[in-house]
Amino acid sequence: MIDKSMANTNYSQYTDEKLARECKILDEYAFQEIAKRYIRPIFNFVRRYAHSDDIAEDITQDTFFKVWKNIKQYKQGMKFRPWLYTVARNTALDYIKKKRASLFSELDDNENDLSFADTLRDQEPDQAEIFDAIQTKEMLAKIVDQLHPDHQIVISLHYQEELSFDEIAKIMNRPMNTVKSWHRRALIHMRKLLKNKETQYAP
């Protein structure tokens, strides 16, 4: 049985990693705190795969069920958040595969064929310039929604969840150079969308 005194513990002060350790000893209150912190971010994340609120809700529910069921697979010393997002991604892909739902097109064959130019730092668009031009969260959401689904996920994880490219690569099960290329292409596309918007509303 779970010690009822745990209910009086201030779990909001715990790090994600400490909460995960507590979950390993079946502390349901620690798990509730994890769900409280991440249910909305995970929903937003899997929504990029599902393209449906109802399906995203199902995937989110399945994700947290798997987290609780498989928490012992989380290894001490690992960062918890990338592990959680990996579970979410795998759950989303499994769900879509089982439902035989082709919810987004496959990447072009050349997505993984990185040219030498793609690896040059000076090819990176000015991030500050792009995000400074985005005036509201609503405007950001509309622009990101026009990106390729994989590019959307990279932008979301890197800027909203503040994950490194290495962490994102592990979550998405792709080489880090591929993730960096997706990030670069996403920024280029965002810049084009912003320029089109400026032209559209120009006097």
N, C-alpha and C. Protein backbone atom coordinates (compact mmCIF):
# COMPACT_ATOMS: atom_id res chain seq x y z
N MET A 1 0.83 -1.20 0.00
CA MET A 1 0.00 0.00 0.00
C MET A 1 0.87 1.25 0.00
N ILE A 2 0.34 2.30 -0.59
CA ILE A 2 1.08 3.57 -0.64
C ILE A 2 0.88 4.33 0.66
N ASP A 3 1.96 4.84 1.19
CA ASP A 3 1.89 5.61 2.42
C ASP A 3 1.05 6.87 2.19
N LYS A 4 -0.02 7.04 2.97
CA LYS A 4 -0.90 8.19 2.78
C LYS A 4 -0.21 9.51 3.07
N SER A 5 0.88 9.45 3.82
CA SER A 5 1.61 10.68 4.13
C SER A 5 2.22 11.30 2.88
N MET A 6 2.33 10.48 1.81
CA MET A 6 2.88 11.01 0.56
C MET A 6 2.00 12.11 -0.01
N ALA A 7 0.71 12.06 0.31
CA ALA A 7 -0.22 13.05 -0.22
C ALA A 7 0.11 14.44 0.27
N ASN A 8 0.82 14.54 1.39
CA ASN A 8 1.17 15.84 1.97
C ASN A 8 2.53 16.33 1.50
N THR A 9 3.21 15.54 0.66
CA THR A 9 4.52 15.94 0.15
C THR A 9 4.35 16.99 -0.95
N ASN A 10 5.23 17.97 -0.96
CA ASN A 10 5.16 19.02 -1.96
C ASN A 10 5.90 18.57 -3.22
N TYR A 11 5.21 17.80 -4.05
CA TYR A 11 5.83 17.24 -5.24
C TYR A 11 6.16 18.31 -6.28
N SER A 12 5.51 19.44 -6.20
CA SER A 12 5.77 20.49 -7.19
C SER A 12 7.21 21.00 -7.11
N GLN A 13 7.88 20.75 -5.99
CA GLN A 13 9.26 21.18 -5.81
C GLN A 13 10.26 20.15 -6.35
N TYR A 14 9.77 18.97 -6.72
CA TYR A 14 10.64 17.90 -7.18
C TYR A 14 11.05 18.14 -8.63
N THR A 15 12.25 17.72 -8.97
CA THR A 15 12.66 17.71 -10.38
C THR A 15 11.94 16.57 -11.09
N ASP A 16 11.91 16.63 -12.41
CA ASP A 16 11.31 15.53 -13.18
C ASP A 16 11.99 14.21 -12.85
N GLU A 17 13.30 14.24 -12.72
CA GLU A 17 14.05 13.02 -12.48
C GLU A 17 13.72 12.43 -11.10
N LYS A 18 13.54 13.29 -10.11
CA LYS A 18 13.18 12.79 -8.79
C LYS A 18 11.76 12.21 -8.78
N LEU A 19 10.86 12.86 -9.51
CA LEU A 19 9.50 12.32 -9.62
C LEU A 19 9.53 10.94 -10.27
N ALA A 20 10.36 10.79 -11.30
CA ALA A 20 10.46 9.50 -11.99
C ALA A 20 10.99 8.43 -11.04
N ARG A 21 11.95 8.79 -10.21
CA ARG A 21 12.47 7.82 -9.24
C ARG A 21 11.39 7.41 -8.25
N GLU A 22 10.57 8.38 -7.85
CA GLU A 22 9.48 8.07 -6.93
C GLU A 22 8.43 7.18 -7.60
N CYS A 23 8.21 7.41 -8.89
CA CYS A 23 7.26 6.57 -9.63
C CYS A 23 7.73 5.12 -9.65
N LYS A 24 9.03 4.92 -9.64
CA LYS A 24 9.56 3.56 -9.68
C LYS A 24 9.16 2.75 -8.46
N ILE A 25 8.89 3.44 -7.36
CA ILE A 25 8.43 2.73 -6.16
C ILE A 25 6.91 2.87 -6.03
N LEU A 26 6.27 3.10 -7.19
CA LEU A 26 4.81 3.14 -7.31
C LEU A 26 4.16 4.25 -6.49
N ASP A 27 4.81 5.40 -6.50
CA ASP A 27 4.25 6.57 -5.84
C ASP A 27 3.28 7.24 -6.82
N GLU A 28 1.99 7.03 -6.62
CA GLU A 28 0.99 7.55 -7.54
C GLU A 28 0.92 9.07 -7.51
N TYR A 29 1.24 9.68 -6.38
CA TYR A 29 1.20 11.13 -6.29
C TYR A 29 2.30 11.77 -7.13
N ALA A 30 3.47 11.11 -7.19
CA ALA A 30 4.55 11.60 -8.04
C ALA A 30 4.14 11.50 -9.51
N PHE A 31 3.47 10.42 -9.85
CA PHE A 31 3.00 10.26 -11.24
C PHE A 31 1.96 11.31 -11.57
N GLN A 32 1.08 11.63 -10.64
CA GLN A 32 0.08 12.67 -10.87
C GLN A 32 0.74 14.01 -11.15
N GLU A 33 1.85 14.28 -10.47
CA GLU A 33 2.57 15.54 -10.69
C GLU A 33 3.19 15.56 -12.09
N ILE A 34 3.74 14.42 -12.52
CA ILE A 34 4.29 14.32 -13.88
C ILE A 34 3.19 14.59 -14.91
N ALA A 35 2.04 13.94 -14.70
CA ALA A 35 0.93 14.13 -15.63
C ALA A 35 0.47 15.59 -15.64
N LYS A 36 0.44 16.20 -14.47
CA LYS A 36 0.03 17.60 -14.37
C LYS A 36 0.97 18.50 -15.17
N ARG A 37 2.26 18.21 -15.09
CA ARG A 37 3.24 19.04 -15.79
C ARG A 37 3.22 18.84 -17.30
N TYR A 38 2.96 17.62 -17.74
CA TYR A 38 3.23 17.29 -19.13
C TYR A 38 2.03 16.88 -19.97
N ILE A 39 0.85 16.78 -19.39
CA ILE A 39 -0.27 16.30 -20.20
C ILE A 39 -0.58 17.25 -21.36
N ARG A 40 -0.52 18.55 -21.13
CA ARG A 40 -0.78 19.51 -22.21
C ARG A 40 0.37 19.53 -23.22
N PRO A 41 1.64 19.63 -22.78
CA PRO A 41 2.73 19.59 -23.77
C PRO A 41 2.75 18.30 -24.60
N ILE A 42 2.47 17.16 -23.96
CA ILE A 42 2.46 15.91 -24.71
C ILE A 42 1.30 15.88 -25.69
N PHE A 43 0.15 16.39 -25.28
CA PHE A 43 -0.99 16.46 -26.20
C PHE A 43 -0.62 17.31 -27.41
N ASN A 44 -0.01 18.47 -27.18
CA ASN A 44 0.38 19.35 -28.29
C ASN A 44 1.40 18.67 -29.19
N PHE A 45 2.29 17.90 -28.58
CA PHE A 45 3.33 17.19 -29.34
C PHE A 45 2.72 16.12 -30.24
N VAL A 46 1.89 15.24 -29.68
CA VAL A 46 1.34 14.14 -30.48
C VAL A 46 0.29 14.66 -31.47
N ARG A 47 -0.26 15.82 -31.19
CA ARG A 47 -1.24 16.43 -32.10
C ARG A 47 -0.61 16.68 -33.47
N ARG A 48 0.70 16.89 -33.48
CA ARG A 48 1.41 17.10 -34.74
C ARG A 48 1.38 15.83 -35.59
N TYR A 49 1.33 14.68 -34.94
CA TYR A 49 1.25 13.42 -35.66
C TYR A 49 -0.20 13.07 -36.00
N ALA A 50 -1.10 13.31 -35.06
CA ALA A 50 -2.47 12.83 -35.20
C ALA A 50 -3.33 13.70 -36.09
N HIS A 51 -3.13 15.02 -36.02
CA HIS A 51 -3.95 15.97 -36.77
C HIS A 51 -5.43 15.83 -36.42
N SER A 52 -5.69 15.42 -35.21
CA SER A 52 -7.07 15.29 -34.72
C SER A 52 -7.02 15.35 -33.20
N ASP A 53 -7.85 16.20 -32.61
CA ASP A 53 -7.87 16.31 -31.15
C ASP A 53 -8.27 15.00 -30.49
N ASP A 54 -9.25 14.32 -31.05
CA ASP A 54 -9.73 13.08 -30.46
C ASP A 54 -8.64 12.01 -30.46
N ILE A 55 -7.96 11.86 -31.60
CA ILE A 55 -6.89 10.88 -31.67
C ILE A 55 -5.73 11.29 -30.77
N ALA A 56 -5.42 12.59 -30.74
CA ALA A 56 -4.35 13.08 -29.88
C ALA A 56 -4.64 12.80 -28.40
N GLU A 57 -5.90 12.93 -28.01
CA GLU A 57 -6.28 12.63 -26.63
C GLU A 57 -6.06 11.15 -26.33
N ASP A 58 -6.42 10.28 -27.27
CA ASP A 58 -6.22 8.85 -27.08
C ASP A 58 -4.73 8.51 -26.97
N ILE A 59 -3.93 9.12 -27.84
CA ILE A 59 -2.49 8.86 -27.81
C ILE A 59 -1.88 9.38 -26.52
N THR A 60 -2.31 10.55 -26.07
CA THR A 60 -1.81 11.11 -24.81
C THR A 60 -2.13 10.19 -23.65
N GLN A 61 -3.35 9.70 -23.61
CA GLN A 61 -3.75 8.78 -22.55
C GLN A 61 -2.91 7.50 -22.59
N ASP A 62 -2.71 6.96 -23.79
CA ASP A 62 -1.90 5.76 -23.94
C ASP A 62 -0.45 6.02 -23.52
N THR A 63 0.04 7.22 -23.84
CA THR A 63 1.42 7.57 -23.48
C THR A 63 1.62 7.51 -21.98
N PHE A 64 0.74 8.15 -21.22
CA PHE A 64 0.92 8.17 -19.77
C PHE A 64 0.67 6.80 -19.14
N PHE A 65 -0.19 6.01 -19.76
CA PHE A 65 -0.37 4.63 -19.30
C PHE A 65 0.94 3.87 -19.46
N LYS A 66 1.61 4.04 -20.63
CA LYS A 66 2.87 3.36 -20.88
C LYS A 66 3.98 3.86 -19.96
N VAL A 67 3.96 5.17 -19.68
CA VAL A 67 4.97 5.73 -18.77
C VAL A 67 4.85 5.08 -17.40
N TRP A 68 3.63 4.99 -16.88
CA TRP A 68 3.42 4.37 -15.56
C TRP A 68 3.79 2.89 -15.59
N LYS A 69 3.38 2.20 -16.66
CA LYS A 69 3.61 0.76 -16.77
C LYS A 69 5.08 0.43 -16.95
N ASN A 70 5.81 1.31 -17.67
CA ASN A 70 7.20 0.99 -18.04
C ASN A 70 8.21 1.90 -17.36
N ILE A 71 7.81 2.55 -16.29
CA ILE A 71 8.70 3.53 -15.64
C ILE A 71 10.01 2.91 -15.18
N LYS A 72 10.01 1.62 -14.92
CA LYS A 72 11.25 0.98 -14.46
C LYS A 72 12.28 0.90 -15.57
N GLN A 73 11.86 1.12 -16.80
CA GLN A 73 12.81 1.15 -17.91
C GLN A 73 13.57 2.48 -17.96
N TYR A 74 13.04 3.48 -17.26
CA TYR A 74 13.76 4.76 -17.16
C TYR A 74 14.98 4.55 -16.29
N LYS A 75 16.15 4.89 -16.82
CA LYS A 75 17.39 4.64 -16.10
C LYS A 75 17.83 5.88 -15.34
N GLN A 76 18.25 5.66 -14.11
CA GLN A 76 18.72 6.75 -13.28
C GLN A 76 19.91 7.43 -13.94
N GLY A 77 19.92 8.75 -13.93
CA GLY A 77 20.98 9.52 -14.56
C GLY A 77 20.56 10.08 -15.91
N MET A 78 19.51 9.49 -16.52
CA MET A 78 18.99 10.01 -17.78
C MET A 78 18.12 11.23 -17.51
N LYS A 79 18.03 12.13 -18.48
CA LYS A 79 17.06 13.21 -18.38
C LYS A 79 15.69 12.62 -18.65
N PHE A 80 14.72 12.99 -17.83
CA PHE A 80 13.40 12.38 -17.94
C PHE A 80 12.61 12.88 -19.14
N ARG A 81 12.71 14.17 -19.44
CA ARG A 81 11.84 14.75 -20.47
C ARG A 81 12.08 14.13 -21.85
N PRO A 82 13.34 13.98 -22.32
CA PRO A 82 13.53 13.30 -23.61
C PRO A 82 13.00 11.87 -23.60
N TRP A 83 13.14 11.17 -22.47
CA TRP A 83 12.61 9.81 -22.36
C TRP A 83 11.10 9.82 -22.52
N LEU A 84 10.44 10.77 -21.87
CA LEU A 84 8.99 10.89 -21.96
C LEU A 84 8.55 11.17 -23.39
N TYR A 85 9.22 12.09 -24.05
CA TYR A 85 8.83 12.43 -25.43
C TYR A 85 9.11 11.28 -26.39
N THR A 86 10.11 10.47 -26.10
CA THR A 86 10.36 9.28 -26.92
C THR A 86 9.21 8.30 -26.78
N VAL A 87 8.72 8.11 -25.56
CA VAL A 87 7.56 7.25 -25.33
C VAL A 87 6.36 7.79 -26.10
N ALA A 88 6.17 9.10 -26.04
CA ALA A 88 5.03 9.73 -26.72
C ALA A 88 5.12 9.54 -28.23
N ARG A 89 6.29 9.75 -28.79
CA ARG A 89 6.45 9.59 -30.25
C ARG A 89 6.19 8.15 -30.67
N ASN A 90 6.78 7.20 -29.95
CA ASN A 90 6.58 5.80 -30.30
C ASN A 90 5.12 5.40 -30.18
N THR A 91 4.45 5.93 -29.16
CA THR A 91 3.03 5.64 -28.98
C THR A 91 2.21 6.19 -30.13
N ALA A 92 2.55 7.41 -30.56
CA ALA A 92 1.83 8.03 -31.68
C ALA A 92 2.02 7.23 -32.96
N LEU A 93 3.24 6.82 -33.24
CA LEU A 93 3.51 6.07 -34.46
C LEU A 93 2.84 4.70 -34.42
N ASP A 94 2.88 4.05 -33.26
CA ASP A 94 2.22 2.75 -33.12
C ASP A 94 0.72 2.87 -33.32
N TYR A 95 0.14 3.92 -32.74
CA TYR A 95 -1.30 4.13 -32.84
C TYR A 95 -1.71 4.34 -34.31
N ILE A 96 -0.96 5.20 -34.98
CA ILE A 96 -1.27 5.50 -36.38
C ILE A 96 -1.11 4.25 -37.25
N LYS A 97 -0.06 3.47 -36.98
CA LYS A 97 0.17 2.26 -37.76
C LYS A 97 -0.96 1.26 -37.57
N LYS A 98 -1.40 1.10 -36.33
CA LYS A 98 -2.47 0.15 -36.05
C LYS A 98 -3.78 0.57 -36.69
N LYS A 99 -4.03 1.86 -36.71
CA LYS A 99 -5.26 2.36 -37.30
C LYS A 99 -5.15 2.49 -38.82
N ARG A 100 -3.95 2.19 -39.34
CA ARG A 100 -3.71 2.30 -40.78
C ARG A 100 -4.10 3.67 -41.31
N ALA A 101 -3.78 4.67 -40.51
CA ALA A 101 -4.13 6.03 -40.91
C ALA A 101 -2.90 6.71 -41.49
N SER A 102 -2.95 7.04 -42.76
CA SER A 102 -1.85 7.77 -43.38
C SER A 102 -2.12 9.25 -43.18
N LEU A 103 -1.65 9.77 -42.02
CA LEU A 103 -2.03 11.12 -41.62
C LEU A 103 -1.09 12.20 -42.16
N PHE A 104 0.06 11.80 -42.63
CA PHE A 104 0.91 12.80 -43.27
C PHE A 104 1.85 12.11 -44.25
N SER A 105 2.27 12.82 -45.24
CA SER A 105 3.08 12.24 -46.29
C SER A 105 4.48 11.94 -45.79
N GLU A 106 5.12 10.97 -46.45
CA GLU A 106 6.49 10.63 -46.11
C GLU A 106 7.43 11.76 -46.55
N LEU A 107 8.55 11.81 -45.89
CA LEU A 107 9.54 12.81 -46.28
C LEU A 107 10.07 12.50 -47.67
N ASP A 108 10.46 13.52 -48.39
CA ASP A 108 11.12 13.29 -49.67
C ASP A 108 12.38 12.47 -49.46
N ASP A 109 12.73 11.69 -50.45
CA ASP A 109 13.91 10.84 -50.33
C ASP A 109 15.16 11.64 -50.03
N ASN A 110 15.20 12.87 -50.49
CA ASN A 110 16.42 13.66 -50.31
C ASN A 110 16.49 14.35 -48.95
N GLU A 111 15.49 14.11 -48.06
CA GLU A 111 15.54 14.75 -46.74
C GLU A 111 16.80 14.31 -45.98
N ASN A 112 17.21 13.06 -46.16
CA ASN A 112 18.33 12.54 -45.40
C ASN A 112 19.66 12.69 -46.16
N ASP A 113 19.59 13.16 -47.40
CA ASP A 113 20.80 13.34 -48.19
C ASP A 113 21.29 14.77 -48.00
N LEU A 114 22.07 14.96 -46.99
CA LEU A 114 22.51 16.31 -46.65
C LEU A 114 23.69 16.71 -47.53
N SER A 115 23.55 17.81 -48.19
CA SER A 115 24.64 18.31 -49.02
C SER A 115 25.68 18.99 -48.13
N PHE A 116 26.84 19.24 -48.72
CA PHE A 116 27.87 19.93 -47.97
C PHE A 116 27.39 21.29 -47.51
N ALA A 117 26.62 21.97 -48.36
CA ALA A 117 26.13 23.30 -48.01
C ALA A 117 25.23 23.26 -46.80
N ASP A 118 24.51 22.14 -46.63
CA ASP A 118 23.60 22.02 -45.49
C ASP A 118 24.35 22.00 -44.17
N THR A 119 25.63 21.62 -44.21
CA THR A 119 26.38 21.50 -42.96
C THR A 119 27.10 22.79 -42.58
N LEU A 120 27.03 23.79 -43.44
CA LEU A 120 27.74 25.03 -43.16
C LEU A 120 26.93 25.90 -42.21
N ARG A 121 27.58 26.45 -41.21
CA ARG A 121 26.90 27.28 -40.22
C ARG A 121 26.30 28.54 -40.86
N ASP A 122 26.97 29.08 -41.86
CA ASP A 122 26.48 30.34 -42.41
C ASP A 122 25.24 30.15 -43.27
N GLN A 123 24.79 28.89 -43.41
CA GLN A 123 23.54 28.65 -44.11
C GLN A 123 22.33 28.79 -43.18
N GLU A 124 22.60 28.87 -41.88
CA GLU A 124 21.52 28.94 -40.89
C GLU A 124 20.82 30.30 -40.97
N PRO A 125 19.50 30.32 -41.16
CA PRO A 125 18.77 31.59 -41.16
C PRO A 125 18.88 32.28 -39.80
N ASP A 126 18.69 33.58 -39.78
CA ASP A 126 18.76 34.35 -38.56
C ASP A 126 17.53 34.06 -37.70
N GLN A 127 17.71 33.28 -36.65
CA GLN A 127 16.58 32.89 -35.80
C GLN A 127 15.94 34.10 -35.13
N ALA A 128 16.79 34.99 -34.62
CA ALA A 128 16.27 36.16 -33.91
C ALA A 128 15.41 37.02 -34.84
N GLU A 129 15.89 37.18 -36.08
CA GLU A 129 15.14 37.99 -37.06
C GLU A 129 13.76 37.39 -37.30
N ILE A 130 13.71 36.06 -37.43
CA ILE A 130 12.44 35.39 -37.71
C ILE A 130 11.47 35.53 -36.55
N PHE A 131 11.95 35.21 -35.35
CA PHE A 131 11.04 35.21 -34.20
C PHE A 131 10.69 36.62 -33.73
N ASP A 132 11.57 37.58 -33.99
CA ASP A 132 11.23 38.96 -33.66
C ASP A 132 10.09 39.48 -34.54
N ALA A 133 10.00 38.92 -35.75
CA ALA A 133 8.96 39.36 -36.68
C ALA A 133 7.60 38.74 -36.36
N ILE A 134 7.61 37.71 -35.53
CA ILE A 134 6.36 37.06 -35.15
C ILE A 134 5.81 37.76 -33.91
N GLN A 135 4.68 38.40 -34.06
CA GLN A 135 4.20 39.33 -33.04
C GLN A 135 3.35 38.68 -31.95
N THR A 136 2.67 37.60 -32.26
CA THR A 136 1.78 36.97 -31.27
C THR A 136 1.93 35.45 -31.31
N LYS A 137 1.45 34.80 -30.26
CA LYS A 137 1.47 33.33 -30.22
C LYS A 137 0.56 32.76 -31.30
N GLU A 138 -0.53 33.45 -31.58
CA GLU A 138 -1.46 32.99 -32.60
C GLU A 138 -0.80 33.01 -33.98
N MET A 139 -0.04 34.08 -34.23
CA MET A 139 0.67 34.20 -35.50
C MET A 139 1.72 33.10 -35.62
N LEU A 140 2.43 32.81 -34.54
CA LEU A 140 3.42 31.73 -34.53
C LEU A 140 2.76 30.39 -34.84
N ALA A 141 1.63 30.13 -34.19
CA ALA A 141 0.93 28.86 -34.37
C ALA A 141 0.51 28.69 -35.83
N LYS A 142 0.00 29.76 -36.45
CA LYS A 142 -0.46 29.69 -37.84
C LYS A 142 0.71 29.41 -38.79
N ILE A 143 1.85 30.02 -38.50
CA ILE A 143 3.02 29.80 -39.36
C ILE A 143 3.56 28.39 -39.20
N VAL A 144 3.69 27.94 -37.95
CA VAL A 144 4.22 26.59 -37.70
C VAL A 144 3.31 25.53 -38.29
N ASP A 145 2.00 25.76 -38.25
CA ASP A 145 1.04 24.79 -38.80
C ASP A 145 1.22 24.58 -40.30
N GLN A 146 1.90 25.50 -40.97
CA GLN A 146 2.10 25.38 -42.41
C GLN A 146 3.38 24.62 -42.76
N LEU A 147 4.14 24.23 -41.74
CA LEU A 147 5.38 23.49 -41.97
C LEU A 147 5.09 22.00 -42.12
N HIS A 148 6.07 21.29 -42.64
CA HIS A 148 6.00 19.83 -42.69
C HIS A 148 5.87 19.31 -41.25
N PRO A 149 5.10 18.24 -41.02
CA PRO A 149 4.90 17.74 -39.64
C PRO A 149 6.19 17.49 -38.87
N ASP A 150 7.19 16.89 -39.51
CA ASP A 150 8.46 16.65 -38.81
C ASP A 150 9.15 17.96 -38.46
N HIS A 151 9.05 18.94 -39.33
CA HIS A 151 9.65 20.24 -39.07
C HIS A 151 8.92 20.94 -37.93
N GLN A 152 7.61 20.79 -37.88
CA GLN A 152 6.82 21.34 -36.78
C GLN A 152 7.31 20.80 -35.44
N ILE A 153 7.54 19.51 -35.41
CA ILE A 153 7.95 18.85 -34.16
C ILE A 153 9.31 19.36 -33.71
N VAL A 154 10.24 19.50 -34.65
CA VAL A 154 11.57 20.00 -34.30
C VAL A 154 11.48 21.41 -33.73
N ILE A 155 10.71 22.28 -34.38
CA ILE A 155 10.56 23.65 -33.89
C ILE A 155 9.92 23.65 -32.50
N SER A 156 8.89 22.85 -32.32
CA SER A 156 8.20 22.80 -31.03
C SER A 156 9.11 22.30 -29.92
N LEU A 157 9.82 21.22 -30.17
CA LEU A 157 10.69 20.65 -29.14
C LEU A 157 11.89 21.54 -28.83
N HIS A 158 12.43 22.20 -29.87
CA HIS A 158 13.63 23.01 -29.66
C HIS A 158 13.33 24.33 -28.98
N TYR A 159 12.25 25.00 -29.39
CA TYR A 159 11.98 26.34 -28.88
C TYR A 159 10.99 26.36 -27.72
N GLN A 160 10.00 25.50 -27.74
CA GLN A 160 9.02 25.49 -26.66
C GLN A 160 9.47 24.63 -25.50
N GLU A 161 10.00 23.44 -25.82
CA GLU A 161 10.44 22.53 -24.76
C GLU A 161 11.91 22.69 -24.43
N GLU A 162 12.62 23.48 -25.24
CA GLU A 162 14.03 23.81 -25.01
C GLU A 162 14.93 22.57 -24.96
N LEU A 163 14.63 21.63 -25.86
CA LEU A 163 15.45 20.43 -25.97
C LEU A 163 16.57 20.66 -26.98
N SER A 164 17.69 20.01 -26.76
CA SER A 164 18.83 20.13 -27.67
C SER A 164 18.57 19.29 -28.92
N PHE A 165 19.34 19.56 -29.97
CA PHE A 165 19.20 18.78 -31.19
C PHE A 165 19.54 17.31 -30.94
N ASP A 166 20.49 17.07 -30.07
CA ASP A 166 20.86 15.69 -29.74
C ASP A 166 19.67 14.97 -29.09
N GLU A 167 19.00 15.64 -28.16
CA GLU A 167 17.84 15.05 -27.49
C GLU A 167 16.69 14.83 -28.48
N ILE A 168 16.49 15.80 -29.37
CA ILE A 168 15.42 15.67 -30.36
C ILE A 168 15.72 14.52 -31.32
N ALA A 169 16.99 14.38 -31.70
CA ALA A 169 17.38 13.28 -32.59
C ALA A 169 17.06 11.93 -31.96
N LYS A 170 17.30 11.81 -30.67
CA LYS A 170 17.01 10.54 -29.99
C LYS A 170 15.51 10.31 -29.90
N ILE A 171 14.75 11.37 -29.65
CA ILE A 171 13.29 11.24 -29.58
C ILE A 171 12.72 10.81 -30.92
N MET A 172 13.22 11.42 -31.99
CA MET A 172 12.68 11.15 -33.32
C MET A 172 13.36 10.00 -34.03
N ASN A 173 14.38 9.45 -33.38
CA ASN A 173 15.12 8.31 -33.93
C ASN A 173 15.70 8.63 -35.30
N ARG A 174 16.32 9.79 -35.37
CA ARG A 174 16.96 10.25 -36.60
C ARG A 174 18.37 10.74 -36.29
N PRO A 175 19.27 10.75 -37.29
CA PRO A 175 20.60 11.33 -37.07
C PRO A 175 20.48 12.81 -36.70
N MET A 176 21.40 13.28 -35.89
CA MET A 176 21.32 14.68 -35.46
C MET A 176 21.46 15.63 -36.65
N ASN A 177 22.27 15.27 -37.65
CA ASN A 177 22.40 16.14 -38.82
C ASN A 177 21.08 16.27 -39.57
N THR A 178 20.29 15.21 -39.58
CA THR A 178 18.97 15.27 -40.20
C THR A 178 18.08 16.24 -39.46
N VAL A 179 18.09 16.15 -38.13
CA VAL A 179 17.29 17.05 -37.31
C VAL A 179 17.72 18.50 -37.53
N LYS A 180 19.02 18.72 -37.59
CA LYS A 180 19.51 20.08 -37.84
C LYS A 180 19.07 20.57 -39.22
N SER A 181 19.07 19.68 -40.19
CA SER A 181 18.62 20.06 -41.53
C SER A 181 17.14 20.41 -41.51
N TRP A 182 16.32 19.62 -40.81
CA TRP A 182 14.89 19.92 -40.69
C TRP A 182 14.68 21.28 -40.04
N HIS A 183 15.48 21.55 -39.00
CA HIS A 183 15.39 22.83 -38.29
C HIS A 183 15.72 23.97 -39.24
N ARG A 184 16.78 23.80 -40.02
CA ARG A 184 17.19 24.84 -40.96
C ARG A 184 16.12 25.08 -42.02
N ARG A 185 15.59 23.99 -42.55
CA ARG A 185 14.56 24.11 -43.58
C ARG A 185 13.29 24.74 -43.01
N ALA A 186 12.97 24.40 -41.77
CA ALA A 186 11.80 24.99 -41.13
C ALA A 186 11.95 26.50 -41.01
N LEU A 187 13.13 26.95 -40.58
CA LEU A 187 13.37 28.38 -40.44
C LEU A 187 13.30 29.09 -41.79
N ILE A 188 13.85 28.45 -42.81
CA ILE A 188 13.81 29.04 -44.15
C ILE A 188 12.36 29.19 -44.62
N HIS A 189 11.57 28.15 -44.38
CA HIS A 189 10.16 28.19 -44.77
C HIS A 189 9.42 29.25 -43.97
N MET A 190 9.71 29.34 -42.67
CA MET A 190 9.06 30.34 -41.83
C MET A 190 9.39 31.74 -42.32
N ARG A 191 10.64 31.95 -42.72
CA ARG A 191 11.05 33.28 -43.21
C ARG A 191 10.29 33.61 -44.49
N LYS A 192 10.12 32.62 -45.37
CA LYS A 192 9.38 32.84 -46.61
C LYS A 192 7.92 33.17 -46.31
N LEU A 193 7.33 32.46 -45.36
CA LEU A 193 5.94 32.71 -44.99
C LEU A 193 5.77 34.11 -44.43
N LEU A 194 6.75 34.54 -43.64
CA LEU A 194 6.69 35.89 -43.07
C LEU A 194 6.80 36.95 -44.16
N LYS A 195 7.69 36.72 -45.13
CA LYS A 195 7.84 37.68 -46.24
C LYS A 195 6.57 37.74 -47.08
N ASN A 196 5.95 36.58 -47.30
CA ASN A 196 4.70 36.56 -48.05
C ASN A 196 3.61 37.32 -47.32
N LYS A 197 3.63 37.20 -46.00
CA LYS A 197 2.63 37.92 -45.19
C LYS A 197 2.85 39.42 -45.29
N GLU A 198 4.12 39.85 -45.25
CA GLU A 198 4.43 41.28 -45.37
C GLU A 198 3.99 41.81 -46.74
N THR A 199 4.23 41.01 -47.79
CA THR A 199 3.84 41.42 -49.13
C THR A 199 2.32 41.50 -49.26
N GLN A 200 1.66 40.54 -48.63
CA GLN A 200 0.19 40.48 -48.71
C GLN A 200 -0.47 41.72 -48.12
N TYR A 201 0.13 42.21 -47.03
CA TYR A 201 -0.50 43.34 -46.34
C TYR A 201 0.20 44.67 -46.64
N ALA A 202 1.11 44.65 -47.59
CA ALA A 202 1.80 45.89 -47.95
C ALA A 202 0.83 46.84 -48.66
N PRO A 203 0.96 48.16 -48.45
CA PRO A 203 0.05 49.13 -49.09
C PRO A 203 0.28 49.20 -50.59
